[in-house]
Amino acid sequence: MTKRKIVTIITDALGDRVIVGEEELSHSINKHFKNLPVDMVLELIERVLKDPTDIFKDETLKERVFNFFYKLESSSRFIVAVVKVTPDGAFFSSAYPTGTKPRNTHKKLKKVKR
C-alpha cells in the first residue's frame, strides 16, 4: 500500500474527518480550478464539505460509500465535492463546478438529511 501525502483534514457536515491528499487536490486544481491558487481551492473544498446545500450518498458498493456534497454558490451554480468513505476512513476524491442543479445521476441516489 502506498502512503498518501496528506495536505489537510476537514471535518465534514456528517462528522467524518475527510483526508485531503496531495494527489487528489492536484487533480482537482489541474483539471477543474486551473486559475485558482491552492489555498483558495482548499478553502472552497472546506466550505462545500462543512456547509453543503445537499448531500447525496452512493451505497451501491459494500466496501465503500461515495458522498457527493453540493454547495450552491452565488452565481446560481453548484460546486460538488466527492468523498469516498471506506473502513479505513473518509478520503477526498475530487471537486468540480457543475450546473445550476445537481447531476441527474446523483439526484437518483439517497439524499442525506442532516
PDB file of N, CA and C in Angstrom:
ATOM      1  N   MET A   1       0.838  -1.182   0.000  1.00  0.00           N
ATOM      2  CA  MET A   1       0.000   0.000   0.000  1.00  0.00           C
ATOM      3  C   MET A   1       0.883   1.246   0.000  1.00  0.00           C
ATOM      4  N   THR A   2       0.601   2.161  -0.916  1.00  0.00           N
ATOM      5  CA  THR A   2       1.388   3.381  -0.970  1.00  0.00           C
ATOM      6  C   THR A   2       0.896   4.369   0.081  1.00  0.00           C
ATOM      7  N   LYS A   3       1.818   5.125   0.578  1.00  0.00           N
ATOM      8  CA  LYS A   3       1.478   6.105   1.603  1.00  0.00           C
ATOM      9  C   LYS A   3       1.125   7.419   0.926  1.00  0.00           C
ATOM     10  N   ARG A   4      -0.078   7.914   1.213  1.00  0.00           N
ATOM     11  CA  ARG A   4      -0.519   9.159   0.595  1.00  0.00           C
ATOM     12  C   ARG A   4      -0.017  10.349   1.401  1.00  0.00           C
ATOM     13  N   LYS A   5       0.309  11.411   0.674  1.00  0.00           N
ATOM     14  CA  LYS A   5       0.718  12.651   1.334  1.00  0.00           C
ATOM     15  C   LYS A   5      -0.533  13.438   1.668  1.00  0.00           C
ATOM     16  N   ILE A   6      -0.693  13.719   2.949  1.00  0.00           N
ATOM     17  CA  ILE A   6      -1.881  14.427   3.428  1.00  0.00           C
ATOM     18  C   ILE A   6      -1.617  15.931   3.403  1.00  0.00           C
ATOM     19  N   VAL A   7      -2.550  16.662   2.790  1.00  0.00           N
ATOM     20  CA  VAL A   7      -2.465  18.125   2.757  1.00  0.00           C
ATOM     21  C   VAL A   7      -3.181  18.700   3.974  1.00  0.00           C
ATOM     22  N   THR A   8      -4.381  18.194   4.249  1.00  0.00           N
ATOM     23  CA  THR A   8      -5.163  18.656   5.386  1.00  0.00           C
ATOM     24  C   THR A   8      -6.249  17.646   5.703  1.00  0.00           C
ATOM     25  N   ILE A   9      -6.898  17.831   6.836  1.00  0.00           N
ATOM     26  CA  ILE A   9      -8.043  17.021   7.234  1.00  0.00           C
ATOM     27  C   ILE A   9      -9.179  17.982   7.570  1.00  0.00           C
ATOM     28  N   ILE A  10     -10.349  17.729   6.971  1.00  0.00           N
ATOM     29  CA  ILE A  10     -11.512  18.594   7.152  1.00  0.00           C
ATOM     30  C   ILE A  10     -12.652  17.750   7.714  1.00  0.00           C
ATOM     31  N   THR A  11     -13.278  18.216   8.779  1.00  0.00           N
ATOM     32  CA  THR A  11     -14.453  17.528   9.309  1.00  0.00           C
ATOM     33  C   THR A  11     -15.668  18.013   8.526  1.00  0.00           C
ATOM     34  N   ASP A  12     -16.350  17.072   7.863  1.00  0.00           N
ATOM     35  CA  ASP A  12     -17.481  17.451   7.003  1.00  0.00           C
ATOM     36  C   ASP A  12     -18.775  17.570   7.813  1.00  0.00           C
ATOM     37  N   ALA A  13     -19.851  17.935   7.130  1.00  0.00           N
ATOM     38  CA  ALA A  13     -21.148  18.162   7.768  1.00  0.00           C
ATOM     39  C   ALA A  13     -21.733  16.897   8.386  1.00  0.00           C
ATOM     40  N   LEU A  14     -21.255  15.735   7.970  1.00  0.00           N
ATOM     41  CA  LEU A  14     -21.733  14.468   8.524  1.00  0.00           C
ATOM     42  C   LEU A  14     -20.894  13.998   9.707  1.00  0.00           C
ATOM     43  N   GLY A  15     -19.840  14.741  10.029  1.00  0.00           N
ATOM     44  CA  GLY A  15     -18.977  14.397  11.156  1.00  0.00           C
ATOM     45  C   GLY A  15     -17.771  13.552  10.790  1.00  0.00           C
ATOM     46  N   ASP A  16     -17.625  13.199   9.512  1.00  0.00           N
ATOM     47  CA  ASP A  16     -16.451  12.433   9.081  1.00  0.00           C
ATOM     48  C   ASP A  16     -15.236  13.342   8.964  1.00  0.00           C
ATOM     49  N   ARG A  17     -14.091  12.817   9.378  1.00  0.00           N
ATOM     50  CA  ARG A  17     -12.821  13.547   9.192  1.00  0.00           C
ATOM     51  C   ARG A  17     -12.274  13.136   7.826  1.00  0.00           C
ATOM     52  N   VAL A  18     -12.360  14.058   6.878  1.00  0.00           N
ATOM     53  CA  VAL A  18     -12.014  13.787   5.479  1.00  0.00           C
ATOM     54  C   VAL A  18     -10.548  14.136   5.247  1.00  0.00           C
ATOM     55  N   ILE A  19      -9.796  13.141   4.801  1.00  0.00           N
ATOM     56  CA  ILE A  19      -8.376  13.342   4.487  1.00  0.00           C
ATOM     57  C   ILE A  19      -8.264  13.853   3.058  1.00  0.00           C
ATOM     58  N   VAL A  20      -7.628  15.004   2.910  1.00  0.00           N
ATOM     59  CA  VAL A  20      -7.389  15.584   1.588  1.00  0.00           C
ATOM     60  C   VAL A  20      -5.942  15.276   1.224  1.00  0.00           C
ATOM     61  N   GLY A  21      -5.770  14.410   0.224  1.00  0.00           N
ATOM     62  CA  GLY A  21      -4.439  14.019  -0.216  1.00  0.00           C
ATOM     63  C   GLY A  21      -3.894  14.961  -1.279  1.00  0.00           C
ATOM     64  N   GLU A  22      -2.577  15.008  -1.354  1.00  0.00           N
ATOM     65  CA  GLU A  22      -1.901  15.885  -2.319  1.00  0.00           C
ATOM     66  C   GLU A  22      -2.281  15.537  -3.766  1.00  0.00           C
ATOM     67  N   GLU A  23      -2.329  14.257  -4.085  1.00  0.00           N
ATOM     68  CA  GLU A  23      -2.623  13.824  -5.458  1.00  0.00           C
ATOM     69  C   GLU A  23      -4.046  14.205  -5.886  1.00  0.00           C
ATOM     70  N   GLU A  24      -5.006  13.983  -5.008  1.00  0.00           N
ATOM     71  CA  GLU A  24      -6.401  14.308  -5.322  1.00  0.00           C
ATOM     72  C   GLU A  24      -6.616  15.820  -5.421  1.00  0.00           C
ATOM     73  N   LEU A  25      -5.970  16.565  -4.543  1.00  0.00           N
ATOM     74  CA  LEU A  25      -6.059  18.022  -4.598  1.00  0.00           C
ATOM     75  C   LEU A  25      -5.443  18.552  -5.890  1.00  0.00           C
ATOM     76  N   SER A  26      -4.292  18.021  -6.261  1.00  0.00           N
ATOM     77  CA  SER A  26      -3.633  18.444  -7.514  1.00  0.00           C
ATOM     78  C   SER A  26      -4.519  18.144  -8.717  1.00  0.00           C
ATOM     79  N   HIS A  27      -5.162  16.984  -8.715  1.00  0.00           N
ATOM     80  CA  HIS A  27      -6.070  16.637  -9.806  1.00  0.00           C
ATOM     81  C   HIS A  27      -7.193  17.671  -9.913  1.00  0.00           C
ATOM     82  N   SER A  28      -7.818  17.998  -8.791  1.00  0.00           N
ATOM     83  CA  SER A  28      -8.926  18.967  -8.809  1.00  0.00           C
ATOM     84  C   SER A  28      -8.467  20.326  -9.314  1.00  0.00           C
ATOM     85  N   ILE A  29      -7.304  20.761  -8.877  1.00  0.00           N
ATOM     86  CA  ILE A  29      -6.798  22.060  -9.310  1.00  0.00           C
ATOM     87  C   ILE A  29      -6.462  22.031 -10.794  1.00  0.00           C
ATOM     88  N   ASN A  30      -5.698  21.045 -11.222  1.00  0.00           N
ATOM     89  CA  ASN A  30      -5.236  20.996 -12.619  1.00  0.00           C
ATOM     90  C   ASN A  30      -6.364  20.765 -13.615  1.00  0.00           C
ATOM     91  N   LYS A  31      -7.387  20.020 -13.213  1.00  0.00           N
ATOM     92  CA  LYS A  31      -8.461  19.693 -14.143  1.00  0.00           C
ATOM     93  C   LYS A  31      -9.657  20.636 -14.043  1.00  0.00           C
ATOM     94  N   HIS A  32      -9.952  21.150 -12.849  1.00  0.00           N
ATOM     95  CA  HIS A  32     -11.201  21.886 -12.664  1.00  0.00           C
ATOM     96  C   HIS A  32     -11.054  23.327 -12.173  1.00  0.00           C
ATOM     97  N   PHE A  33      -9.937  23.663 -11.532  1.00  0.00           N
ATOM     98  CA  PHE A  33      -9.768  25.005 -10.959  1.00  0.00           C
ATOM     99  C   PHE A  33      -8.394  25.584 -11.310  1.00  0.00           C
ATOM    100  N   LYS A  34      -8.029  25.560 -12.592  1.00  0.00           N
ATOM    101  CA  LYS A  34      -6.683  25.944 -13.018  1.00  0.00           C
ATOM    102  C   LYS A  34      -6.277  27.358 -12.623  1.00  0.00           C
ATOM    103  N   ASN A  35      -7.208  28.268 -12.571  1.00  0.00           N
ATOM    104  CA  ASN A  35      -6.867  29.669 -12.330  1.00  0.00           C
ATOM    105  C   ASN A  35      -6.890  30.061 -10.859  1.00  0.00           C
ATOM    106  N   LEU A  36      -7.120  29.121  -9.988  1.00  0.00           N
ATOM    107  CA  LEU A  36      -7.182  29.430  -8.559  1.00  0.00           C
ATOM    108  C   LEU A  36      -5.941  28.915  -7.838  1.00  0.00           C
ATOM    109  N   PRO A  37      -5.442  29.677  -6.869  1.00  0.00           N
ATOM    110  CA  PRO A  37      -4.312  29.187  -6.073  1.00  0.00           C
ATOM    111  C   PRO A  37      -4.761  28.082  -5.113  1.00  0.00           C
ATOM    112  N   VAL A  38      -3.817  27.290  -4.647  1.00  0.00           N
ATOM    113  CA  VAL A  38      -4.078  26.133  -3.799  1.00  0.00           C
ATOM    114  C   VAL A  38      -4.887  26.519  -2.563  1.00  0.00           C
ATOM    115  N   ASP A  39      -4.520  27.593  -1.886  1.00  0.00           N
ATOM    116  CA  ASP A  39      -5.219  27.956  -0.654  1.00  0.00           C
ATOM    117  C   ASP A  39      -6.685  28.295  -0.907  1.00  0.00           C
ATOM    118  N   MET A  40      -6.996  28.880  -2.047  1.00  0.00           N
ATOM    119  CA  MET A  40      -8.386  29.198  -2.369  1.00  0.00           C
ATOM    120  C   MET A  40      -9.186  27.934  -2.673  1.00  0.00           C
ATOM    121  N   VAL A  41      -8.568  26.986  -3.359  1.00  0.00           N
ATOM    122  CA  VAL A  41      -9.252  25.721  -3.652  1.00  0.00           C
ATOM    123  C   VAL A  41      -9.502  24.955  -2.351  1.00  0.00           C
ATOM    124  N   LEU A  42      -8.537  24.929  -1.466  1.00  0.00           N
ATOM    125  CA  LEU A  42      -8.731  24.264  -0.174  1.00  0.00           C
ATOM    126  C   LEU A  42      -9.862  24.919   0.621  1.00  0.00           C
ATOM    127  N   GLU A  43      -9.917  26.240   0.602  1.00  0.00           N
ATOM    128  CA  GLU A  43     -10.992  26.950   1.301  1.00  0.00           C
ATOM    129  C   GLU A  43     -12.348  26.625   0.679  1.00  0.00           C
ATOM    130  N   LEU A  44     -12.393  26.548  -0.639  1.00  0.00           N
ATOM    131  CA  LEU A  44     -13.625  26.207  -1.339  1.00  0.00           C
ATOM    132  C   LEU A  44     -14.083  24.792  -0.966  1.00  0.00           C
ATOM    133  N   ILE A  45     -13.162  23.846  -0.971  1.00  0.00           N
ATOM    134  CA  ILE A  45     -13.485  22.463  -0.592  1.00  0.00           C
ATOM    135  C   ILE A  45     -14.009  22.422   0.845  1.00  0.00           C
ATOM    136  N   GLU A  46     -13.368  23.140   1.734  1.00  0.00           N
ATOM    137  CA  GLU A  46     -13.808  23.172   3.124  1.00  0.00           C
ATOM    138  C   GLU A  46     -15.217  23.745   3.252  1.00  0.00           C
ATOM    139  N   ARG A  47     -15.511  24.823   2.538  1.00  0.00           N
ATOM    140  CA  ARG A  47     -16.854  25.420   2.573  1.00  0.00           C
ATOM    141  C   ARG A  47     -17.910  24.440   2.080  1.00  0.00           C
ATOM    142  N   VAL A  48     -17.596  23.722   1.005  1.00  0.00           N
ATOM    143  CA  VAL A  48     -18.553  22.760   0.448  1.00  0.00           C
ATOM    144  C   VAL A  48     -18.793  21.613   1.431  1.00  0.00           C
ATOM    145  N   LEU A  49     -17.722  21.090   2.023  1.00  0.00           N
ATOM    146  CA  LEU A  49     -17.853  19.951   2.935  1.00  0.00           C
ATOM    147  C   LEU A  49     -18.514  20.315   4.259  1.00  0.00           C
ATOM    148  N   LYS A  50     -18.259  21.499   4.772  1.00  0.00           N
ATOM    149  CA  LYS A  50     -18.797  21.886   6.077  1.00  0.00           C
ATOM    150  C   LYS A  50     -20.223  22.419   6.014  1.00  0.00           C
ATOM    151  N   ASP A  51     -20.586  23.062   4.896  1.00  0.00           N
ATOM    152  CA  ASP A  51     -21.904  23.694   4.803  1.00  0.00           C
ATOM    153  C   ASP A  51     -22.530  23.449   3.430  1.00  0.00           C
ATOM    154  N   PRO A  52     -22.812  22.180   3.105  1.00  0.00           N
ATOM    155  CA  PRO A  52     -23.373  21.881   1.787  1.00  0.00           C
ATOM    156  C   PRO A  52     -24.853  22.252   1.695  1.00  0.00           C
ATOM    157  N   THR A  53     -25.301  22.482   0.479  1.00  0.00           N
ATOM    158  CA  THR A  53     -26.716  22.692   0.219  1.00  0.00           C
ATOM    159  C   THR A  53     -27.435  21.356   0.229  1.00  0.00           C
ATOM    160  N   ASP A  54     -26.838  20.344  -0.405  1.00  0.00           N
ATOM    161  CA  ASP A  54     -27.391  18.991  -0.475  1.00  0.00           C
ATOM    162  C   ASP A  54     -26.254  17.979  -0.394  1.00  0.00           C
ATOM    163  N   ILE A  55     -26.590  16.793   0.130  1.00  0.00           N
ATOM    164  CA  ILE A  55     -25.639  15.680   0.157  1.00  0.00           C
ATOM    165  C   ILE A  55     -26.366  14.450  -0.396  1.00  0.00           C
ATOM    166  N   PHE A  56     -25.695  13.769  -1.328  1.00  0.00           N
ATOM    167  CA  PHE A  56     -26.227  12.536  -1.891  1.00  0.00           C
ATOM    168  C   PHE A  56     -25.240  11.415  -1.590  1.00  0.00           C
ATOM    169  N   LYS A  57     -25.773  10.218  -1.297  1.00  0.00           N
ATOM    170  CA  LYS A  57     -24.936   9.084  -0.890  1.00  0.00           C
ATOM    171  C   LYS A  57     -25.121   7.927  -1.867  1.00  0.00           C
ATOM    172  N   ASP A  58     -23.988   7.424  -2.374  1.00  0.00           N
ATOM    173  CA  ASP A  58     -23.991   6.242  -3.243  1.00  0.00           C
ATOM    174  C   ASP A  58     -23.486   5.060  -2.428  1.00  0.00           C
ATOM    175  N   GLU A  59     -24.402   4.131  -2.104  1.00  0.00           N
ATOM    176  CA  GLU A  59     -24.068   2.973  -1.279  1.00  0.00           C
ATOM    177  C   GLU A  59     -24.128   1.670  -2.076  1.00  0.00           C
ATOM    178  N   THR A  60     -23.904   1.742  -3.384  1.00  0.00           N
ATOM    179  CA  THR A  60     -24.037   0.553  -4.223  1.00  0.00           C
ATOM    180  C   THR A  60     -22.934  -0.475  -3.980  1.00  0.00           C
ATOM    181  N   LEU A  61     -21.767  -0.044  -3.519  1.00  0.00           N
ATOM    182  CA  LEU A  61     -20.677  -0.975  -3.213  1.00  0.00           C
ATOM    183  C   LEU A  61     -20.535  -1.119  -1.700  1.00  0.00           C
ATOM    184  N   LYS A  62     -20.407  -2.356  -1.220  1.00  0.00           N
ATOM    185  CA  LYS A  62     -20.347  -2.593   0.222  1.00  0.00           C
ATOM    186  C   LYS A  62     -19.051  -2.102   0.858  1.00  0.00           C
ATOM    187  N   GLU A  63     -17.948  -2.163   0.106  1.00  0.00           N
ATOM    188  CA  GLU A  63     -16.654  -1.827   0.702  1.00  0.00           C
ATOM    189  C   GLU A  63     -16.374  -0.329   0.768  1.00  0.00           C
ATOM    190  N   ARG A  64     -17.226   0.476   0.096  1.00  0.00           N
ATOM    191  CA  ARG A  64     -17.033   1.924   0.161  1.00  0.00           C
ATOM    192  C   ARG A  64     -18.329   2.635  -0.211  1.00  0.00           C
ATOM    193  N   VAL A  65     -18.432   3.844   0.289  1.00  0.00           N
ATOM    194  CA  VAL A  65     -19.576   4.711   0.020  1.00  0.00           C
ATOM    195  C   VAL A  65     -19.027   6.004  -0.553  1.00  0.00           C
ATOM    196  N   PHE A  66     -19.729   6.559  -1.524  1.00  0.00           N
ATOM    197  CA  PHE A  66     -19.347   7.869  -2.028  1.00  0.00           C
ATOM    198  C   PHE A  66     -20.395   8.880  -1.595  1.00  0.00           C
ATOM    199  N   ASN A  67     -19.940   9.974  -0.981  1.00  0.00           N
ATOM    200  CA  ASN A  67     -20.813  11.086  -0.625  1.00  0.00           C
ATOM    201  C   ASN A  67     -20.529  12.240  -1.575  1.00  0.00           C
ATOM    202  N   PHE A  68     -21.596  12.810  -2.117  1.00  0.00           N
ATOM    203  CA  PHE A  68     -21.490  13.949  -3.033  1.00  0.00           C
ATOM    204  C   PHE A  68     -22.051  15.166  -2.324  1.00  0.00           C
ATOM    205  N   PHE A  69     -21.172  16.094  -1.954  1.00  0.00           N
ATOM    206  CA  PHE A  69     -21.552  17.311  -1.252  1.00  0.00           C
ATOM    207  C   PHE A  69     -21.733  18.426  -2.277  1.00  0.00           C
ATOM    208  N   TYR A  70     -22.942  18.948  -2.376  1.00  0.00           N
ATOM    209  CA  TYR A  70     -23.238  20.044  -3.306  1.00  0.00           C
ATOM    210  C   TYR A  70     -23.389  21.338  -2.534  1.00  0.00           C
ATOM    211  N   LYS A  71     -22.808  22.403  -3.066  1.00  0.00           N
ATOM    212  CA  LYS A  71     -22.941  23.732  -2.471  1.00  0.00           C
ATOM    213  C   LYS A  71     -23.354  24.683  -3.573  1.00  0.00           C
ATOM    214  N   LEU A  72     -24.489  25.351  -3.385  1.00  0.00           N
ATOM    215  CA  LEU A  72     -24.964  26.339  -4.333  1.00  0.00           C
ATOM    216  C   LEU A  72     -24.209  27.632  -4.081  1.00  0.00           C
ATOM    217  N   GLU A  73     -23.524  28.111  -5.108  1.00  0.00           N
ATOM    218  CA  GLU A  73     -22.764  29.350  -4.990  1.00  0.00           C
ATOM    219  C   GLU A  73     -23.611  30.520  -5.479  1.00  0.00           C
ATOM    220  N   SER A  74     -23.165  31.736  -5.240  1.00  0.00           N
ATOM    221  CA  SER A  74     -23.943  32.937  -5.556  1.00  0.00           C
ATOM    222  C   SER A  74     -24.257  33.085  -7.036  1.00  0.00           C
ATOM    223  N   SER A  75     -23.484  32.458  -7.883  1.00  0.00           N
ATOM    224  CA  SER A  75     -23.720  32.553  -9.325  1.00  0.00           C
ATOM    225  C   SER A  75     -24.803  31.569  -9.782  1.00  0.00           C
ATOM    226  N   SER A  76     -25.542  30.999  -8.843  1.00  0.00           N
ATOM    227  CA  SER A  76     -26.591  30.008  -9.116  1.00  0.00           C
ATOM    228  C   SER A  76     -26.043  28.745  -9.766  1.00  0.00           C
ATOM    229  N   ARG A  77     -24.800  28.430  -9.474  1.00  0.00           N
ATOM    230  CA  ARG A  77     -24.179  27.206  -9.957  1.00  0.00           C
ATOM    231  C   ARG A  77     -23.661  26.438  -8.751  1.00  0.00           C
ATOM    232  N   PHE A  78     -23.621  25.131  -8.902  1.00  0.00           N
ATOM    233  CA  PHE A  78     -23.166  24.270  -7.822  1.00  0.00           C
ATOM    234  C   PHE A  78     -21.691  23.921  -7.956  1.00  0.00           C
ATOM    235  N   ILE A  79     -21.059  23.725  -6.803  1.00  0.00           N
ATOM    236  CA  ILE A  79     -19.737  23.100  -6.694  1.00  0.00           C
ATOM    237  C   ILE A  79     -20.012  21.775  -5.989  1.00  0.00           C
ATOM    238  N   VAL A  80     -19.403  20.696  -6.470  1.00  0.00           N
ATOM    239  CA  VAL A  80     -19.580  19.399  -5.829  1.00  0.00           C
ATOM    240  C   VAL A  80     -18.225  18.889  -5.356  1.00  0.00           C
ATOM    241  N   ALA A  81     -18.214  18.342  -4.146  1.00  0.00           N
ATOM    242  CA  ALA A  81     -17.021  17.693  -3.607  1.00  0.00           C
ATOM    243  C   ALA A  81     -17.383  16.228  -3.365  1.00  0.00           C
ATOM    244  N   VAL A  82     -16.513  15.344  -3.803  1.00  0.00           N
ATOM    245  CA  VAL A  82     -16.762  13.908  -3.702  1.00  0.00           C
ATOM    246  C   VAL A  82     -15.864  13.327  -2.613  1.00  0.00           C
ATOM    247  N   VAL A  83     -16.482  12.569  -1.694  1.00  0.00           N
ATOM    248  CA  VAL A  83     -15.740  11.945  -0.600  1.00  0.00           C
ATOM    249  C   VAL A  83     -16.002  10.441  -0.644  1.00  0.00           C
ATOM    250  N   LYS A  84     -14.923   9.667  -0.606  1.00  0.00           N
ATOM    251  CA  LYS A  84     -15.022   8.201  -0.553  1.00  0.00           C
ATOM    252  C   LYS A  84     -14.861   7.785   0.906  1.00  0.00           C
ATOM    253  N   VAL A  85     -15.846   7.050   1.415  1.00  0.00           N
ATOM    254  CA  VAL A  85     -15.814   6.590   2.802  1.00  0.00           C
ATOM    255  C   VAL A  85     -15.586   5.080   2.780  1.00  0.00           C
ATOM    256  N   THR A  86     -14.501   4.642   3.427  1.00  0.00           N
ATOM    257  CA  THR A  86     -14.133   3.228   3.492  1.00  0.00           C
ATOM    258  C   THR A  86     -13.942   2.840   4.961  1.00  0.00           C
ATOM    259  N   PRO A  87     -13.735   1.570   5.242  1.00  0.00           N
ATOM    260  CA  PRO A  87     -13.433   1.190   6.632  1.00  0.00           C
ATOM    261  C   PRO A  87     -12.150   1.853   7.159  1.00  0.00           C
ATOM    262  N   ASP A  88     -11.263   2.277   6.245  1.00  0.00           N
ATOM    263  CA  ASP A  88     -10.012   2.935   6.647  1.00  0.00           C
ATOM    264  C   ASP A  88     -10.173   4.430   6.892  1.00  0.00           C
ATOM    265  N   GLY A  89     -11.313   5.013   6.533  1.00  0.00           N
ATOM    266  CA  GLY A  89     -11.521   6.438   6.744  1.00  0.00           C
ATOM    267  C   GLY A  89     -12.237   7.096   5.576  1.00  0.00           C
ATOM    268  N   ALA A  90     -12.361   8.412   5.651  1.00  0.00           N
ATOM    269  CA  ALA A  90     -13.013   9.205   4.611  1.00  0.00           C
ATOM    270  C   ALA A  90     -11.936   9.973   3.851  1.00  0.00           C
ATOM    271  N   PHE A  91     -12.018   9.907   2.507  1.00  0.00           N
ATOM    272  CA  PHE A  91     -10.975  10.488   1.670  1.00  0.00           C
ATOM    273  C   PHE A  91     -11.587  11.377   0.591  1.00  0.00           C
ATOM    274  N   PHE A  92     -11.056  12.585   0.463  1.00  0.00           N
ATOM    275  CA  PHE A  92     -11.457  13.483  -0.610  1.00  0.00           C
ATOM    276  C   PHE A  92     -11.050  12.858  -1.942  1.00  0.00           C
ATOM    277  N   SER A  93     -11.982  12.819  -2.902  1.00  0.00           N
ATOM    278  CA  SER A  93     -11.680  12.256  -4.218  1.00  0.00           C
ATOM    279  C   SER A  93     -11.523  13.330  -5.276  1.00  0.00           C
ATOM    280  N   SER A  94     -12.459  14.297  -5.294  1.00  0.00           N
ATOM    281  CA  SER A  94     -12.411  15.340  -6.311  1.00  0.00           C
ATOM    282  C   SER A  94     -13.394  16.447  -5.947  1.00  0.00           C
ATOM    283  N   ALA A  95     -13.250  17.573  -6.622  1.00  0.00           N
ATOM    284  CA  ALA A  95     -14.211  18.677  -6.524  1.00  0.00           C
ATOM    285  C   ALA A  95     -14.252  19.343  -7.882  1.00  0.00           C
ATOM    286  N   TYR A  96     -15.444  19.771  -8.256  1.00  0.00           N
ATOM    287  CA  TYR A  96     -15.577  20.419  -9.560  1.00  0.00           C
ATOM    288  C   TYR A  96     -16.849  21.250  -9.604  1.00  0.00           C
ATOM    289  N   PRO A  97     -16.843  22.278 -10.461  1.00  0.00           N
ATOM    290  CA  PRO A  97     -18.067  23.055 -10.658  1.00  0.00           C
ATOM    291  C   PRO A  97     -19.026  22.256 -11.534  1.00  0.00           C
ATOM    292  N   THR A  98     -20.306  22.419 -11.298  1.00  0.00           N
ATOM    293  CA  THR A  98     -21.304  21.733 -12.108  1.00  0.00           C
ATOM    294  C   THR A  98     -22.395  22.738 -12.463  1.00  0.00           C
ATOM    295  N   GLY A  99     -23.500  22.295 -12.960  1.00  0.00           N
ATOM    296  CA  GLY A  99     -24.522  23.194 -13.480  1.00  0.00           C
ATOM    297  C   GLY A  99     -25.370  23.877 -12.426  1.00  0.00           C
ATOM    298  N   THR A 100     -26.554  24.265 -12.841  1.00  0.00           N
ATOM    299  CA  THR A 100     -27.465  25.004 -11.973  1.00  0.00           C
ATOM    300  C   THR A 100     -28.310  24.088 -11.092  1.00  0.00           C
ATOM    301  N   LYS A 101     -28.130  22.782 -11.234  1.00  0.00           N
ATOM    302  CA  LYS A 101     -28.811  21.816 -10.377  1.00  0.00           C
ATOM    303  C   LYS A 101     -27.917  20.583 -10.262  1.00  0.00           C
ATOM    304  N   PRO A 102     -28.134  19.772  -9.228  1.00  0.00           N
ATOM    305  CA  PRO A 102     -27.325  18.551  -9.096  1.00  0.00           C
ATOM    306  C   PRO A 102     -27.481  17.650 -10.324  1.00  0.00           C
ATOM    307  N   ARG A 103     -26.444  16.893 -10.600  1.00  0.00           N
ATOM    308  CA  ARG A 103     -26.477  15.971 -11.739  1.00  0.00           C
ATOM    309  C   ARG A 103     -27.583  14.941 -11.573  1.00  0.00           C
ATOM    310  N   ASN A 104     -28.212  14.578 -12.687  1.00  0.00           N
ATOM    311  CA  ASN A 104     -29.317  13.617 -12.644  1.00  0.00           C
ATOM    312  C   ASN A 104     -28.893  12.289 -12.020  1.00  0.00           C
ATOM    313  N   THR A 105     -27.680  11.826 -12.321  1.00  0.00           N
ATOM    314  CA  THR A 105     -27.210  10.558 -11.748  1.00  0.00           C
ATOM    315  C   THR A 105     -27.093  10.647 -10.234  1.00  0.00           C
ATOM    316  N   HIS A 106     -26.765  11.827  -9.710  1.00  0.00           N
ATOM    317  CA  HIS A 106     -26.653  11.997  -8.265  1.00  0.00           C
ATOM    318  C   HIS A 106     -28.027  12.169  -7.623  1.00  0.00           C
ATOM    319  N   LYS A 107     -28.955  12.810  -8.321  1.00  0.00           N
ATOM    320  CA  LYS A 107     -30.298  13.012  -7.768  1.00  0.00           C
ATOM    321  C   LYS A 107     -31.031  11.686  -7.571  1.00  0.00           C
ATOM    322  N   LYS A 108     -30.615  10.628  -8.281  1.00  0.00           N
ATOM    323  CA  LYS A 108     -31.221   9.310  -8.115  1.00  0.00           C
ATOM    324  C   LYS A 108     -30.726   8.594  -6.859  1.00  0.00           C
ATOM    325  N   LEU A 109     -29.654   9.115  -6.262  1.00  0.00           N
ATOM    326  CA  LEU A 109     -29.082   8.500  -5.072  1.00  0.00           C
ATOM    327  C   LEU A 109     -29.855   8.929  -3.821  1.00  0.00           C
ATOM    328  N   LYS A 110     -29.536   8.290  -2.722  1.00  0.00           N
ATOM    329  CA  LYS A 110     -30.160   8.618  -1.438  1.00  0.00           C
ATOM    330  C   LYS A 110     -29.731  10.024  -1.009  1.00  0.00           C
ATOM    331  N   LYS A 111     -30.692  10.881  -0.703  1.00  0.00           N
ATOM    332  CA  LYS A 111     -30.394  12.215  -0.212  1.00  0.00           C
ATOM    333  C   LYS A 111     -30.241  12.150   1.304  1.00  0.00           C
ATOM    334  N   VAL A 112     -29.148  12.690   1.806  1.00  0.00           N
ATOM    335  CA  VAL A 112     -28.838  12.614   3.228  1.00  0.00           C
ATOM    336  C   VAL A 112     -29.460  13.805   3.946  1.00  0.00           C
ATOM    337  N   LYS A 113     -30.135  13.504   5.048  1.00  0.00           N
ATOM    338  CA  LYS A 113     -30.687  14.571   5.876  1.00  0.00           C
ATOM    339  C   LYS A 113     -29.725  14.800   7.037  1.00  0.00           C
ATOM    340  N   ARG A 114     -29.482  16.054   7.333  1.00  0.00           N
ATOM    341  CA  ARG A 114     -28.564  16.388   8.430  1.00  0.00           C
ATOM    342  C   ARG A 114     -29.329  16.895   9.616  1.00  0.00           C
TER     343      ARG A 114
END
